[in-house]
Amino acid sequence: MPSVESGDRVYAIGDIHGRFDLLQCILEKIGEHSAALPPAKSLHLVFLGDIIDRGPDSAKVLELLYSLERKSNRVIVLLGNHEEAMLQALKGDLNAFRSWLAFGGEETLRSFDVAPRTQGEDLRDYLARARSAVPAHWTSWLARLPLSVRSGDYLFVHAGIRPGAPLHRQVREDLLWIRGDFLDDPRDHGAVIVHGHSIEPEVAIRDNRIGIDTGAYRTGILTALYLEGDRQEILSTDGQLAGVVEGVPA
């Protein structure tokens, strides 16, 4: 059985996509779950990227995770392809901006109180409004997010890895965007890859990968994977909502 690094307790959280309500709920469940266990030598919350877009509250999600990461080294947020798309758009590339808007960016901008593009408004003017609304320290933070993190036999990434390529030689595009070539490959990757990005109706537990994107923005189900030693357990919001959680579980 694969195992995390000795003494490590890890909760990996799938794609949030602007569902602040579900983020609150899963943090509460993680807090309760961890509190019921013996104290861990180290505890980490690993967010697998795609924290923004599609859902209604991307700004709130960004605010909370930015704050938690600054307060605690227990929190690790990985870059997802939606954050990558946002960063490219807000750099001023009109084609990237247009693509991001159709990709979930409209919902994210609404969460920042950016009114939709008016009829006849030049796209450059809309982009200028978007850039002024998103705090620069948040975009700087997103630009610095890591693409992967490892604990023992597990590698945590957003989308997956290129099968056959050494883990230390993976390229950015694959880590953020890959689907079929990775999902359908049964070979040993040198680690069990824990990922989001590709929505599946249930958590996909395979010998070489564990996929935990359960489509939170449309299903109401946000999933977390608990790993400690060789133990694995699935936590889920199950479409239920919970109250506000303050801080990180002890």
Protein backbone atom coordinates (compact mmCIF):
# COMPACT_ATOMS: atom_id res chain seq x y z
CA MET A 1 0.00 0.00 0.00
CA PRO A 2 1.25 3.51 -0.76
CA SER A 3 1.82 5.78 2.21
CA VAL A 4 2.51 9.42 2.93
CA GLU A 5 5.71 10.55 4.61
CA SER A 6 6.03 9.24 8.16
CA GLY A 7 4.18 11.45 10.63
CA ASP A 8 2.33 13.38 7.92
CA ARG A 9 -1.43 13.80 7.84
CA VAL A 10 -2.72 15.14 4.52
CA TYR A 11 -6.12 16.33 3.41
CA ALA A 12 -6.24 16.96 -0.34
CA ILE A 13 -9.21 19.05 -1.50
CA GLY A 14 -10.60 18.89 -5.03
CA ASP A 15 -11.68 21.65 -7.40
CA ILE A 16 -13.68 24.31 -5.52
CA HIS A 17 -14.61 26.50 -8.52
CA GLY A 18 -15.95 29.43 -6.57
CA ARG A 19 -18.17 27.44 -4.18
CA PHE A 20 -17.30 29.24 -0.97
CA ASP A 21 -20.21 27.56 0.80
CA LEU A 22 -18.82 24.11 0.05
CA LEU A 23 -15.31 25.19 1.01
CA GLN A 24 -16.61 26.22 4.42
CA CYS A 25 -18.39 22.90 4.76
CA ILE A 26 -15.42 20.72 3.82
CA LEU A 27 -13.11 22.64 6.15
CA GLU A 28 -15.54 21.99 8.97
CA LYS A 29 -15.63 18.28 8.14
CA ILE A 30 -11.84 18.15 7.99
CA GLY A 31 -11.60 19.92 11.34
CA GLU A 32 -13.98 17.44 12.97
CA HIS A 33 -12.26 14.47 11.35
CA SER A 34 -8.76 15.55 12.39
CA ALA A 35 -9.86 16.41 15.93
CA ALA A 36 -11.14 12.86 16.39
CA LEU A 37 -7.70 11.41 15.57
CA PRO A 38 -4.55 11.30 17.69
CA PRO A 39 -2.34 14.36 17.21
CA ALA A 40 -0.26 14.27 14.03
CA LYS A 41 3.39 15.22 13.76
CA SER A 42 2.49 17.40 10.78
CA LEU A 43 -0.78 18.24 9.06
CA HIS A 44 -1.25 19.70 5.60
CA LEU A 45 -4.24 20.85 3.60
CA VAL A 46 -3.45 20.57 -0.11
CA PHE A 47 -5.82 22.38 -2.48
CA LEU A 48 -5.51 20.90 -5.96
CA GLY A 49 -6.20 24.06 -7.95
CA ASP A 50 -9.20 25.44 -9.85
CA ILE A 51 -10.33 27.37 -6.83
CA ILE A 52 -11.99 30.01 -9.05
CA ASP A 53 -14.48 30.33 -11.96
CA ARG A 54 -17.93 28.86 -12.66
CA GLY A 55 -19.26 29.09 -9.10
CA PRO A 56 -20.59 32.36 -7.63
CA ASP A 57 -18.01 33.26 -4.95
CA SER A 58 -14.50 33.07 -6.38
CA ALA A 59 -13.46 36.31 -4.67
CA LYS A 60 -14.41 34.92 -1.25
CA VAL A 61 -12.57 31.67 -1.95
CA LEU A 62 -9.45 33.57 -2.97
CA GLU A 63 -9.65 35.79 0.09
CA LEU A 64 -9.94 32.87 2.50
CA LEU A 65 -7.24 30.68 0.98
CA TYR A 66 -4.85 33.62 0.59
CA SER A 67 -5.38 34.45 4.25
CA LEU A 68 -5.03 30.86 5.46
CA GLU A 69 -1.85 30.26 3.50
CA ARG A 70 -0.26 33.42 4.86
CA LYS A 71 -1.13 32.39 8.44
CA SER A 72 -0.12 28.74 8.31
CA ASN A 73 2.46 26.59 6.55
CA ARG A 74 -0.07 23.79 6.81
CA VAL A 75 -1.95 25.16 3.82
CA ILE A 76 -0.66 24.46 0.30
CA VAL A 77 -2.58 25.78 -2.71
CA LEU A 78 -1.58 24.38 -6.10
CA LEU A 79 -2.08 26.22 -9.36
CA GLY A 80 -4.91 25.03 -11.59
CA ASN A 81 -5.60 25.67 -15.25
CA HIS A 82 -8.36 28.14 -14.38
CA GLU A 83 -5.98 30.24 -12.29
CA GLU A 84 -3.49 30.03 -15.17
CA ALA A 85 -6.18 31.26 -17.58
CA MET A 86 -7.06 34.16 -15.27
CA LEU A 87 -3.42 35.19 -14.95
CA GLN A 88 -2.90 35.17 -18.70
CA ALA A 89 -6.09 37.18 -19.24
CA LEU A 90 -5.26 39.85 -16.68
CA LYS A 91 -1.82 40.36 -18.17
CA GLY A 92 -3.62 42.19 -20.98
CA ASP A 93 -3.85 39.56 -23.72
CA LEU A 94 -7.27 40.18 -25.33
CA ASN A 95 -7.49 36.69 -26.84
CA ALA A 96 -6.69 35.12 -23.48
CA PHE A 97 -9.22 37.43 -21.83
CA ARG A 98 -11.92 36.48 -24.30
CA SER A 99 -11.22 32.78 -23.75
CA TRP A 100 -11.22 33.13 -19.97
CA LEU A 101 -14.58 34.90 -20.00
CA ALA A 102 -16.11 31.92 -21.79
CA PHE A 103 -14.25 29.55 -19.47
CA GLY A 104 -15.80 30.77 -16.23
CA GLY A 105 -14.21 34.18 -15.94
CA GLU A 106 -17.54 36.01 -16.19
CA GLU A 107 -18.65 34.43 -12.92
CA THR A 108 -15.37 35.28 -11.26
CA LEU A 109 -15.57 38.92 -12.30
CA ARG A 110 -19.14 39.15 -11.01
CA SER A 111 -17.84 37.97 -7.62
CA PHE A 112 -15.55 41.03 -7.69
CA ASP A 113 -18.57 43.24 -8.45
CA VAL A 114 -17.43 43.83 -12.03
CA ALA A 115 -20.54 44.56 -14.08
CA PRO A 116 -20.92 42.51 -17.29
CA ARG A 117 -19.67 43.98 -20.53
CA THR A 118 -22.17 46.47 -21.86
CA GLN A 119 -23.42 46.45 -25.41
CA GLY A 120 -20.88 48.24 -27.57
CA GLU A 121 -18.24 48.39 -24.83
CA ASP A 122 -14.76 47.88 -26.18
CA LEU A 123 -13.19 44.68 -24.89
CA ARG A 124 -10.12 46.66 -23.82
CA ASP A 125 -12.28 48.79 -21.54
CA TYR A 126 -13.88 45.71 -20.02
CA LEU A 127 -10.42 44.22 -19.44
CA ALA A 128 -9.29 47.46 -17.79
CA ARG A 129 -12.26 47.25 -15.39
CA ALA A 130 -11.39 43.63 -14.63
CA ARG A 131 -7.74 44.37 -13.95
CA SER A 132 -8.57 47.21 -11.59
CA ALA A 133 -11.03 45.07 -9.61
CA VAL A 134 -8.79 42.09 -8.83
CA PRO A 135 -6.24 42.94 -6.10
CA ALA A 136 -2.69 42.87 -7.43
CA HIS A 137 -1.41 41.02 -4.35
CA TRP A 138 -3.82 38.18 -5.11
CA THR A 139 -2.68 37.81 -8.71
CA SER A 140 0.95 37.96 -7.56
CA TRP A 141 0.18 35.21 -5.05
CA LEU A 142 -1.51 33.06 -7.72
CA ALA A 143 1.46 33.50 -10.04
CA ARG A 144 3.75 32.04 -7.36
CA LEU A 145 1.66 28.96 -6.58
CA PRO A 146 3.45 25.63 -6.97
CA LEU A 147 2.47 23.07 -9.60
CA SER A 148 2.97 20.01 -7.41
CA VAL A 149 3.86 18.78 -3.94
CA ARG A 150 4.85 15.33 -2.74
CA SER A 151 4.47 13.32 0.45
CA GLY A 152 5.89 9.81 0.50
CA ASP A 153 4.37 7.72 -2.28
CA TYR A 154 1.87 10.41 -3.31
CA LEU A 155 2.33 13.28 -5.76
CA PHE A 156 -0.33 16.00 -5.69
CA VAL A 157 -0.97 17.95 -8.92
CA HIS A 158 -3.91 19.67 -10.56
CA ALA A 159 -4.55 17.71 -13.76
CA GLY A 160 -2.11 14.81 -13.89
CA ILE A 161 1.25 13.89 -15.36
CA ARG A 162 2.61 12.76 -18.73
CA PRO A 163 2.86 8.95 -18.50
CA GLY A 164 6.33 7.65 -19.29
CA ALA A 165 8.09 10.92 -18.46
CA PRO A 166 10.08 11.07 -15.21
CA LEU A 167 8.24 12.94 -12.47
CA HIS A 168 11.05 15.47 -12.17
CA ARG A 169 10.77 16.28 -15.90
CA GLN A 170 7.04 16.95 -16.15
CA VAL A 171 6.04 20.06 -18.08
CA ARG A 172 3.73 22.82 -16.95
CA GLU A 173 1.09 22.27 -19.64
CA ASP A 174 0.58 18.63 -18.72
CA LEU A 175 0.44 19.30 -14.97
CA LEU A 176 -2.31 21.87 -15.58
CA TRP A 177 -4.24 20.52 -18.58
CA ILE A 178 -3.71 16.82 -19.33
CA ARG A 179 -6.71 14.48 -19.43
CA GLY A 180 -7.13 11.33 -21.52
CA ASP A 181 -3.48 10.39 -22.04
CA PHE A 182 -3.10 10.37 -18.27
CA LEU A 183 -6.50 9.16 -17.12
CA ASP A 184 -6.49 6.10 -19.39
CA ASP A 185 -2.91 5.01 -18.75
CA PRO A 186 -2.59 2.05 -16.33
CA ARG A 187 1.17 2.06 -15.86
CA ASP A 188 3.05 2.83 -12.66
CA HIS A 189 3.97 6.53 -12.62
CA GLY A 190 6.54 6.28 -9.85
CA ALA A 191 4.01 7.72 -7.38
CA VAL A 192 0.27 7.64 -6.88
CA ILE A 193 -0.97 10.83 -8.53
CA VAL A 194 -3.66 12.68 -6.55
CA HIS A 195 -5.43 15.10 -8.87
CA GLY A 196 -8.53 17.07 -9.75
CA HIS A 197 -9.36 18.73 -13.11
CA SER A 198 -11.37 15.88 -14.66
CA ILE A 199 -14.87 15.55 -13.23
CA GLU A 200 -15.97 12.03 -12.41
CA PRO A 201 -19.27 10.99 -10.80
CA GLU A 202 -17.41 9.26 -7.97
CA VAL A 203 -13.89 9.47 -6.59
CA ALA A 204 -11.64 7.50 -8.94
CA ILE A 205 -9.30 5.29 -6.93
CA ARG A 206 -6.87 3.45 -9.17
CA ASP A 207 -3.54 1.77 -8.48
CA ASN A 208 -1.68 4.71 -10.05
CA ARG A 209 -3.97 7.70 -9.45
CA ILE A 210 -6.77 9.09 -7.28
CA GLY A 211 -9.07 11.67 -8.89
CA ILE A 212 -11.17 13.77 -6.53
CA ASP A 213 -12.89 16.33 -8.76
CA THR A 214 -16.56 15.56 -8.17
CA GLY A 215 -17.84 18.69 -9.96
CA ALA A 216 -18.56 20.79 -6.88
CA TYR A 217 -19.79 23.83 -8.80
CA ARG A 218 -22.63 21.85 -10.39
CA THR A 219 -23.17 18.87 -8.06
CA GLY A 220 -22.76 20.53 -4.67
CA ILE A 221 -20.29 17.77 -3.78
CA LEU A 222 -16.79 18.92 -2.83
CA THR A 223 -14.46 16.06 -1.99
CA ALA A 224 -11.39 15.76 0.22
CA LEU A 225 -9.01 12.81 0.48
CA TYR A 226 -7.52 11.99 3.89
CA LEU A 227 -4.14 10.27 3.86
CA GLU A 228 -2.09 9.18 6.87
CA GLY A 229 0.37 6.29 6.87
CA ASP A 230 -1.18 3.85 4.42
CA ARG A 231 -4.74 4.91 5.29
CA GLN A 232 -7.09 6.49 2.78
CA GLU A 233 -10.51 7.96 3.48
CA ILE A 234 -12.93 10.09 1.49
CA LEU A 235 -14.66 13.12 3.03
CA SER A 236 -17.43 14.86 1.12
CA THR A 237 -19.91 17.69 1.51
CA ASP A 238 -22.60 15.43 0.03
CA GLY A 239 -24.37 18.55 -1.18
CA GLN A 240 -24.88 19.76 2.38
CA LEU A 241 -23.84 23.18 3.63
CA ALA A 242 -22.30 24.11 6.98
CA GLY A 243 -21.36 27.17 8.99
CA VAL A 244 -18.28 29.31 8.75
CA VAL A 245 -14.99 27.74 9.78
CA GLU A 246 -12.29 29.93 11.22
CA GLY A 247 -8.66 28.95 10.86
CA VAL A 248 -7.09 25.64 10.04
CA PRO A 249 -7.85 22.37 11.87
CA ALA A 250 -5.38 21.56 14.59
